[in-house]
Amino acid sequence: MERKFVMRGKSREEYFKFFVEMGGRGSDKKTVIGPNWVAVVGDEKSVRIGALDFPETEIIIGYTSDEILDKFKLRFLTAGG
């Protein structure tokens, strides 16, 4: 299975580091290969919302077990408030 996320507010390095910490190995500057999953961390770009600029990174996770997806969501998907 595969999921695509467009994430804002964190640097691409933080996402890349997360996947390495989860047992992955960087095969190049964008791809991290782990047990039962592959993550592609896209280039970071800046998105302006009102007067503020936010970093935005596209992340694609291919997986055969929901474990990496659950950990990613727990770490990075937050609600404002």
PDB file of N, CA and C in Angstrom:
ATOM      1  N   MET A   1       0.845  -1.176   0.000  1.00  0.00           N
ATOM      2  CA  MET A   1       0.000   0.000   0.000  1.00  0.00           C
ATOM      3  C   MET A   1       0.888   1.235   0.000  1.00  0.00           C
ATOM      4  N   GLU A   2       0.289   2.364  -0.330  1.00  0.00           N
ATOM      5  CA  GLU A   2       1.041   3.616  -0.396  1.00  0.00           C
ATOM      6  C   GLU A   2       0.173   4.772   0.086  1.00  0.00           C
ATOM      7  N   ARG A   3       0.783   5.688   0.842  1.00  0.00           N
ATOM      8  CA  ARG A   3       0.094   6.886   1.305  1.00  0.00           C
ATOM      9  C   ARG A   3       0.972   8.096   0.998  1.00  0.00           C
ATOM     10  N   LYS A   4       0.320   9.182   0.645  1.00  0.00           N
ATOM     11  CA  LYS A   4       1.018  10.427   0.355  1.00  0.00           C
ATOM     12  C   LYS A   4       0.548  11.495   1.346  1.00  0.00           C
ATOM     13  N   PHE A   5       1.518  12.218   1.904  1.00  0.00           N
ATOM     14  CA  PHE A   5       1.230  13.295   2.836  1.00  0.00           C
ATOM     15  C   PHE A   5       1.920  14.562   2.349  1.00  0.00           C
ATOM     16  N   VAL A   6       1.260  15.694   2.482  1.00  0.00           N
ATOM     17  CA  VAL A   6       1.887  16.996   2.252  1.00  0.00           C
ATOM     18  C   VAL A   6       1.914  17.658   3.623  1.00  0.00           C
ATOM     19  N   MET A   7       3.130  17.770   4.162  1.00  0.00           N
ATOM     20  CA  MET A   7       3.297  18.207   5.542  1.00  0.00           C
ATOM     21  C   MET A   7       3.847  19.628   5.582  1.00  0.00           C
ATOM     22  N   ARG A   8       3.374  20.416   6.545  1.00  0.00           N
ATOM     23  CA  ARG A   8       3.844  21.784   6.735  1.00  0.00           C
ATOM     24  C   ARG A   8       4.286  21.987   8.172  1.00  0.00           C
ATOM     25  N   GLY A   9       5.263  22.882   8.337  1.00  0.00           N
ATOM     26  CA  GLY A   9       5.655  23.303   9.675  1.00  0.00           C
ATOM     27  C   GLY A   9       6.916  22.665  10.222  1.00  0.00           C
ATOM     28  N   LYS A  10       7.414  21.622   9.597  1.00  0.00           N
ATOM     29  CA  LYS A  10       8.646  20.970  10.029  1.00  0.00           C
ATOM     30  C   LYS A  10       9.601  20.888   8.833  1.00  0.00           C
ATOM     31  N   SER A  11      10.888  20.843   9.123  1.00  0.00           N
ATOM     32  CA  SER A  11      11.877  20.754   8.041  1.00  0.00           C
ATOM     33  C   SER A  11      11.907  19.334   7.476  1.00  0.00           C
ATOM     34  N   ARG A  12      12.302  19.210   6.220  1.00  0.00           N
ATOM     35  CA  ARG A  12      12.399  17.888   5.601  1.00  0.00           C
ATOM     36  C   ARG A  12      13.410  17.019   6.316  1.00  0.00           C
ATOM     37  N   GLU A  13      14.451  17.634   6.903  1.00  0.00           N
ATOM     38  CA  GLU A  13      15.461  16.882   7.644  1.00  0.00           C
ATOM     39  C   GLU A  13      14.854  16.163   8.843  1.00  0.00           C
ATOM     40  N   GLU A  14      13.864  16.796   9.479  1.00  0.00           N
ATOM     41  CA  GLU A  14      13.213  16.170  10.625  1.00  0.00           C
ATOM     42  C   GLU A  14      12.454  14.905  10.206  1.00  0.00           C
ATOM     43  N   TYR A  15      11.792  14.957   9.054  1.00  0.00           N
ATOM     44  CA  TYR A  15      11.081  13.776   8.547  1.00  0.00           C
ATOM     45  C   TYR A  15      12.075  12.682   8.167  1.00  0.00           C
ATOM     46  N   PHE A  16      13.136  13.050   7.462  1.00  0.00           N
ATOM     47  CA  PHE A  16      14.147  12.082   7.039  1.00  0.00           C
ATOM     48  C   PHE A  16      14.763  11.399   8.261  1.00  0.00           C
ATOM     49  N   LYS A  17      15.104  12.198   9.269  1.00  0.00           N
ATOM     50  CA  LYS A  17      15.702  11.666  10.500  1.00  0.00           C
ATOM     51  C   LYS A  17      14.748  10.691  11.192  1.00  0.00           C
ATOM     52  N   PHE A  18      13.455  11.000  11.211  1.00  0.00           N
ATOM     53  CA  PHE A  18      12.466  10.113  11.816  1.00  0.00           C
ATOM     54  C   PHE A  18      12.525   8.723  11.184  1.00  0.00           C
ATOM     55  N   PHE A  19      12.538   8.667   9.849  1.00  0.00           N
ATOM     56  CA  PHE A  19      12.536   7.372   9.173  1.00  0.00           C
ATOM     57  C   PHE A  19      13.826   6.595   9.432  1.00  0.00           C
ATOM     58  N   VAL A  20      14.949   7.292   9.537  1.00  0.00           N
ATOM     59  CA  VAL A  20      16.208   6.625   9.885  1.00  0.00           C
ATOM     60  C   VAL A  20      16.129   6.077  11.308  1.00  0.00           C
ATOM     61  N   GLU A  21      15.571   6.855  12.222  1.00  0.00           N
ATOM     62  CA  GLU A  21      15.412   6.404  13.608  1.00  0.00           C
ATOM     63  C   GLU A  21      14.473   5.199  13.719  1.00  0.00           C
ATOM     64  N   MET A  22      13.570   5.042  12.773  1.00  0.00           N
ATOM     65  CA  MET A  22      12.637   3.912  12.763  1.00  0.00           C
ATOM     66  C   MET A  22      13.261   2.666  12.127  1.00  0.00           C
ATOM     67  N   GLY A  23      14.557   2.699  11.871  1.00  0.00           N
ATOM     68  CA  GLY A  23      15.251   1.521  11.368  1.00  0.00           C
ATOM     69  C   GLY A  23      15.545   1.552   9.886  1.00  0.00           C
ATOM     70  N   GLY A  24      15.284   2.677   9.240  1.00  0.00           N
ATOM     71  CA  GLY A  24      15.535   2.779   7.810  1.00  0.00           C
ATOM     72  C   GLY A  24      16.968   3.169   7.489  1.00  0.00           C
ATOM     73  N   ARG A  25      17.340   2.928   6.248  1.00  0.00           N
ATOM     74  CA  ARG A  25      18.655   3.320   5.756  1.00  0.00           C
ATOM     75  C   ARG A  25      18.449   4.216   4.547  1.00  0.00           C
ATOM     76  N   GLY A  26      19.131   5.347   4.554  1.00  0.00           N
ATOM     77  CA  GLY A  26      19.031   6.256   3.427  1.00  0.00           C
ATOM     78  C   GLY A  26      19.718   5.679   2.209  1.00  0.00           C
ATOM     79  N   SER A  27      18.972   5.493   1.131  1.00  0.00           N
ATOM     80  CA  SER A  27      19.580   4.971  -0.093  1.00  0.00           C
ATOM     81  C   SER A  27      20.042   6.119  -0.988  1.00  0.00           C
ATOM     82  N   ASP A  28      19.484   7.290  -0.780  1.00  0.00           N
ATOM     83  CA  ASP A  28      19.922   8.524  -1.427  1.00  0.00           C
ATOM     84  C   ASP A  28      19.410   9.670  -0.555  1.00  0.00           C
ATOM     85  N   LYS A  29      19.426  10.886  -1.061  1.00  0.00           N
ATOM     86  CA  LYS A  29      19.037  12.035  -0.238  1.00  0.00           C
ATOM     87  C   LYS A  29      17.534  12.176  -0.044  1.00  0.00           C
ATOM     88  N   LYS A  30      16.756  11.365  -0.735  1.00  0.00           N
ATOM     89  CA  LYS A  30      15.296  11.443  -0.621  1.00  0.00           C
ATOM     90  C   LYS A  30      14.644  10.162  -0.125  1.00  0.00           C
ATOM     91  N   THR A  31      15.275   9.022  -0.313  1.00  0.00           N
ATOM     92  CA  THR A  31      14.653   7.728  -0.058  1.00  0.00           C
ATOM     93  C   THR A  31      15.247   7.046   1.162  1.00  0.00           C
ATOM     94  N   VAL A  32      14.365   6.556   2.025  1.00  0.00           N
ATOM     95  CA  VAL A  32      14.775   5.768   3.196  1.00  0.00           C
ATOM     96  C   VAL A  32      14.060   4.425   3.092  1.00  0.00           C
ATOM     97  N   ILE A  33      14.843   3.356   3.172  1.00  0.00           N
ATOM     98  CA  ILE A  33      14.290   2.007   3.056  1.00  0.00           C
ATOM     99  C   ILE A  33      14.358   1.332   4.418  1.00  0.00           C
ATOM    100  N   GLY A  34      13.201   0.896   4.898  1.00  0.00           N
ATOM    101  CA  GLY A  34      13.125   0.218   6.186  1.00  0.00           C
ATOM    102  C   GLY A  34      12.530  -1.162   6.027  1.00  0.00           C
ATOM    103  N   PRO A  35      12.424  -1.867   7.146  1.00  0.00           N
ATOM    104  CA  PRO A  35      11.792  -3.182   7.085  1.00  0.00           C
ATOM    105  C   PRO A  35      10.295  -3.029   6.793  1.00  0.00           C
ATOM    106  N   ASN A  36       9.846  -3.559   5.703  1.00  0.00           N
ATOM    107  CA  ASN A  36       8.432  -3.532   5.295  1.00  0.00           C
ATOM    108  C   ASN A  36       7.928  -2.157   4.866  1.00  0.00           C
ATOM    109  N   TRP A  37       8.820  -1.202   4.583  1.00  0.00           N
ATOM    110  CA  TRP A  37       8.382   0.118   4.136  1.00  0.00           C
ATOM    111  C   TRP A  37       9.500   0.850   3.386  1.00  0.00           C
ATOM    112  N   VAL A  38       9.072   1.806   2.567  1.00  0.00           N
ATOM    113  CA  VAL A  38       9.984   2.723   1.863  1.00  0.00           C
ATOM    114  C   VAL A  38       9.364   4.104   1.972  1.00  0.00           C
ATOM    115  N   ALA A  39      10.179   5.096   2.331  1.00  0.00           N
ATOM    116  CA  ALA A  39       9.696   6.468   2.431  1.00  0.00           C
ATOM    117  C   ALA A  39      10.481   7.352   1.480  1.00  0.00           C
ATOM    118  N   VAL A  40       9.764   8.177   0.736  1.00  0.00           N
ATOM    119  CA  VAL A  40      10.386   9.169  -0.136  1.00  0.00           C
ATOM    120  C   VAL A  40      10.044  10.532   0.445  1.00  0.00           C
ATOM    121  N   VAL A  41      11.081  11.257   0.855  1.00  0.00           N
ATOM    122  CA  VAL A  41      10.918  12.574   1.453  1.00  0.00           C
ATOM    123  C   VAL A  41      11.301  13.605   0.396  1.00  0.00           C
ATOM    124  N   GLY A  42      10.305  14.309  -0.118  1.00  0.00           N
ATOM    125  CA  GLY A  42      10.518  15.259  -1.202  1.00  0.00           C
ATOM    126  C   GLY A  42      11.288  16.494  -0.772  1.00  0.00           C
ATOM    127  N   ASP A  43      11.542  17.348  -1.739  1.00  0.00           N
ATOM    128  CA  ASP A  43      12.224  18.602  -1.464  1.00  0.00           C
ATOM    129  C   ASP A  43      11.335  19.513  -0.628  1.00  0.00           C
ATOM    130  N   GLU A  44      11.965  20.332   0.175  1.00  0.00           N
ATOM    131  CA  GLU A  44      11.233  21.295   0.992  1.00  0.00           C
ATOM    132  C   GLU A  44      11.021  22.569   0.189  1.00  0.00           C
ATOM    133  N   LYS A  45       9.814  23.100   0.261  1.00  0.00           N
ATOM    134  CA  LYS A  45       9.547  24.389  -0.354  1.00  0.00           C
ATOM    135  C   LYS A  45       8.863  25.274   0.678  1.00  0.00           C
ATOM    136  N   SER A  46       8.812  26.550   0.401  1.00  0.00           N
ATOM    137  CA  SER A  46       8.205  27.496   1.321  1.00  0.00           C
ATOM    138  C   SER A  46       6.822  27.869   0.808  1.00  0.00           C
ATOM    139  N   VAL A  47       5.849  27.847   1.719  1.00  0.00           N
ATOM    140  CA  VAL A  47       4.470  28.193   1.388  1.00  0.00           C
ATOM    141  C   VAL A  47       4.050  29.358   2.272  1.00  0.00           C
ATOM    142  N   ARG A  48       3.514  30.391   1.649  1.00  0.00           N
ATOM    143  CA  ARG A  48       3.075  31.562   2.393  1.00  0.00           C
ATOM    144  C   ARG A  48       1.586  31.433   2.689  1.00  0.00           C
ATOM    145  N   ILE A  49       1.251  31.570   3.960  1.00  0.00           N
ATOM    146  CA  ILE A  49      -0.144  31.597   4.392  1.00  0.00           C
ATOM    147  C   ILE A  49      -0.312  32.890   5.178  1.00  0.00           C
ATOM    148  N   GLY A  50      -1.026  33.818   4.588  1.00  0.00           N
ATOM    149  CA  GLY A  50      -1.139  35.146   5.188  1.00  0.00           C
ATOM    150  C   GLY A  50       0.225  35.810   5.200  1.00  0.00           C
ATOM    151  N   ALA A  51       0.670  36.242   6.354  1.00  0.00           N
ATOM    152  CA  ALA A  51       1.964  36.902   6.478  1.00  0.00           C
ATOM    153  C   ALA A  51       3.074  35.935   6.878  1.00  0.00           C
ATOM    154  N   LEU A  52       2.743  34.648   7.029  1.00  0.00           N
ATOM    155  CA  LEU A  52       3.709  33.669   7.518  1.00  0.00           C
ATOM    156  C   LEU A  52       4.167  32.728   6.416  1.00  0.00           C
ATOM    157  N   ASP A  53       5.439  32.334   6.482  1.00  0.00           N
ATOM    158  CA  ASP A  53       5.995  31.333   5.575  1.00  0.00           C
ATOM    159  C   ASP A  53       6.185  30.028   6.346  1.00  0.00           C
ATOM    160  N   PHE A  54       5.769  28.921   5.740  1.00  0.00           N
ATOM    161  CA  PHE A  54       5.897  27.607   6.353  1.00  0.00           C
ATOM    162  C   PHE A  54       6.660  26.681   5.416  1.00  0.00           C
ATOM    163  N   PRO A  55       7.534  25.814   5.964  1.00  0.00           N
ATOM    164  CA  PRO A  55       8.154  24.799   5.116  1.00  0.00           C
ATOM    165  C   PRO A  55       7.117  23.735   4.766  1.00  0.00           C
ATOM    166  N   GLU A  56       7.146  23.254   3.530  1.00  0.00           N
ATOM    167  CA  GLU A  56       6.216  22.208   3.087  1.00  0.00           C
ATOM    168  C   GLU A  56       7.014  21.098   2.424  1.00  0.00           C
ATOM    169  N   THR A  57       6.710  19.856   2.792  1.00  0.00           N
ATOM    170  CA  THR A  57       7.413  18.694   2.263  1.00  0.00           C
ATOM    171  C   THR A  57       6.407  17.614   1.908  1.00  0.00           C
ATOM    172  N   GLU A  58       6.548  17.039   0.725  1.00  0.00           N
ATOM    173  CA  GLU A  58       5.706  15.906   0.319  1.00  0.00           C
ATOM    174  C   GLU A  58       6.407  14.615   0.723  1.00  0.00           C
ATOM    175  N   ILE A  59       5.656  13.731   1.361  1.00  0.00           N
ATOM    176  CA  ILE A  59       6.196  12.456   1.825  1.00  0.00           C
ATOM    177  C   ILE A  59       5.318  11.335   1.295  1.00  0.00           C
ATOM    178  N   ILE A  60       5.953  10.337   0.699  1.00  0.00           N
ATOM    179  CA  ILE A  60       5.245   9.161   0.204  1.00  0.00           C
ATOM    180  C   ILE A  60       5.782   7.955   0.961  1.00  0.00           C
ATOM    181  N   ILE A  61       4.873   7.199   1.566  1.00  0.00           N
ATOM    182  CA  ILE A  61       5.259   6.016   2.330  1.00  0.00           C
ATOM    183  C   ILE A  61       4.630   4.797   1.672  1.00  0.00           C
ATOM    184  N   GLY A  62       5.470   3.891   1.219  1.00  0.00           N
ATOM    185  CA  GLY A  62       5.015   2.592   0.732  1.00  0.00           C
ATOM    186  C   GLY A  62       5.222   1.586   1.853  1.00  0.00           C
ATOM    187  N   TYR A  63       4.218   0.765   2.155  1.00  0.00           N
ATOM    188  CA  TYR A  63       4.328  -0.099   3.325  1.00  0.00           C
ATOM    189  C   TYR A  63       3.523  -1.383   3.144  1.00  0.00           C
ATOM    190  N   THR A  64       3.950  -2.404   3.880  1.00  0.00           N
ATOM    191  CA  THR A  64       3.196  -3.657   3.915  1.00  0.00           C
ATOM    192  C   THR A  64       2.619  -3.906   5.301  1.00  0.00           C
ATOM    193  N   SER A  65       3.083  -3.140   6.284  1.00  0.00           N
ATOM    194  CA  SER A  65       2.571  -3.215   7.654  1.00  0.00           C
ATOM    195  C   SER A  65       2.186  -1.802   8.093  1.00  0.00           C
ATOM    196  N   ASP A  66       1.067  -1.664   8.778  1.00  0.00           N
ATOM    197  CA  ASP A  66       0.588  -0.348   9.220  1.00  0.00           C
ATOM    198  C   ASP A  66       1.454   0.271  10.313  1.00  0.00           C
ATOM    199  N   GLU A  67       2.391  -0.459  10.866  1.00  0.00           N
ATOM    200  CA  GLU A  67       3.173   0.018  12.013  1.00  0.00           C
ATOM    201  C   GLU A  67       3.896   1.342  11.717  1.00  0.00           C
ATOM    202  N   ILE A  68       4.583   1.447  10.596  1.00  0.00           N
ATOM    203  CA  ILE A  68       5.318   2.685  10.296  1.00  0.00           C
ATOM    204  C   ILE A  68       4.345   3.838  10.075  1.00  0.00           C
ATOM    205  N   LEU A  69       3.235   3.577   9.447  1.00  0.00           N
ATOM    206  CA  LEU A  69       2.236   4.613   9.208  1.00  0.00           C
ATOM    207  C   LEU A  69       1.650   5.113  10.527  1.00  0.00           C
ATOM    208  N   ASP A  70       1.353   4.205  11.435  1.00  0.00           N
ATOM    209  CA  ASP A  70       0.827   4.587  12.751  1.00  0.00           C
ATOM    210  C   ASP A  70       1.832   5.435  13.519  1.00  0.00           C
ATOM    211  N   LYS A  71       3.102   5.058  13.490  1.00  0.00           N
ATOM    212  CA  LYS A  71       4.142   5.818  14.196  1.00  0.00           C
ATOM    213  C   LYS A  71       4.335   7.197  13.573  1.00  0.00           C
ATOM    214  N   PHE A  72       4.282   7.262  12.246  1.00  0.00           N
ATOM    215  CA  PHE A  72       4.415   8.549  11.556  1.00  0.00           C
ATOM    216  C   PHE A  72       3.269   9.482  11.938  1.00  0.00           C
ATOM    217  N   LYS A  73       2.063   8.976  11.914  1.00  0.00           N
ATOM    218  CA  LYS A  73       0.893   9.780  12.269  1.00  0.00           C
ATOM    219  C   LYS A  73       0.971  10.265  13.710  1.00  0.00           C
ATOM    220  N   LEU A  74       1.357   9.383  14.609  1.00  0.00           N
ATOM    221  CA  LEU A  74       1.448   9.739  16.021  1.00  0.00           C
ATOM    222  C   LEU A  74       2.485  10.846  16.237  1.00  0.00           C
ATOM    223  N   ARG A  75       3.575  10.767  15.494  1.00  0.00           N
ATOM    224  CA  ARG A  75       4.661  11.749  15.665  1.00  0.00           C
ATOM    225  C   ARG A  75       4.354  13.089  15.005  1.00  0.00           C
ATOM    226  N   PHE A  76       3.741  13.080  13.818  1.00  0.00           N
ATOM    227  CA  PHE A  76       3.666  14.310  13.035  1.00  0.00           C
ATOM    228  C   PHE A  76       2.277  14.874  12.783  1.00  0.00           C
ATOM    229  N   LEU A  77       1.231  14.079  12.852  1.00  0.00           N
ATOM    230  CA  LEU A  77      -0.097  14.620  12.586  1.00  0.00           C
ATOM    231  C   LEU A  77      -0.695  15.172  13.874  1.00  0.00           C
ATOM    232  N   THR A  78      -0.798  16.468  13.939  1.00  0.00           N
ATOM    233  CA  THR A  78      -1.296  17.121  15.146  1.00  0.00           C
ATOM    234  C   THR A  78      -2.445  18.044  14.787  1.00  0.00           C
ATOM    235  N   ALA A  79      -3.249  18.341  15.764  1.00  0.00           N
ATOM    236  CA  ALA A  79      -4.341  19.279  15.574  1.00  0.00           C
ATOM    237  C   ALA A  79      -3.980  20.588  16.275  1.00  0.00           C
ATOM    238  N   GLY A  80      -4.298  21.684  15.659  1.00  0.00           N
ATOM    239  CA  GLY A  80      -4.024  22.977  16.284  1.00  0.00           C
ATOM    240  C   GLY A  80      -4.994  23.254  17.424  1.00  0.00           C
ATOM    241  N   GLY A  81      -4.669  24.245  18.187  1.00  0.00           N
ATOM    242  CA  GLY A  81      -5.617  24.565  19.227  1.00  0.00           C
ATOM    243  C   GLY A  81      -5.038  25.284  20.315  1.00  0.00           C
TER     244      GLY A  81
END
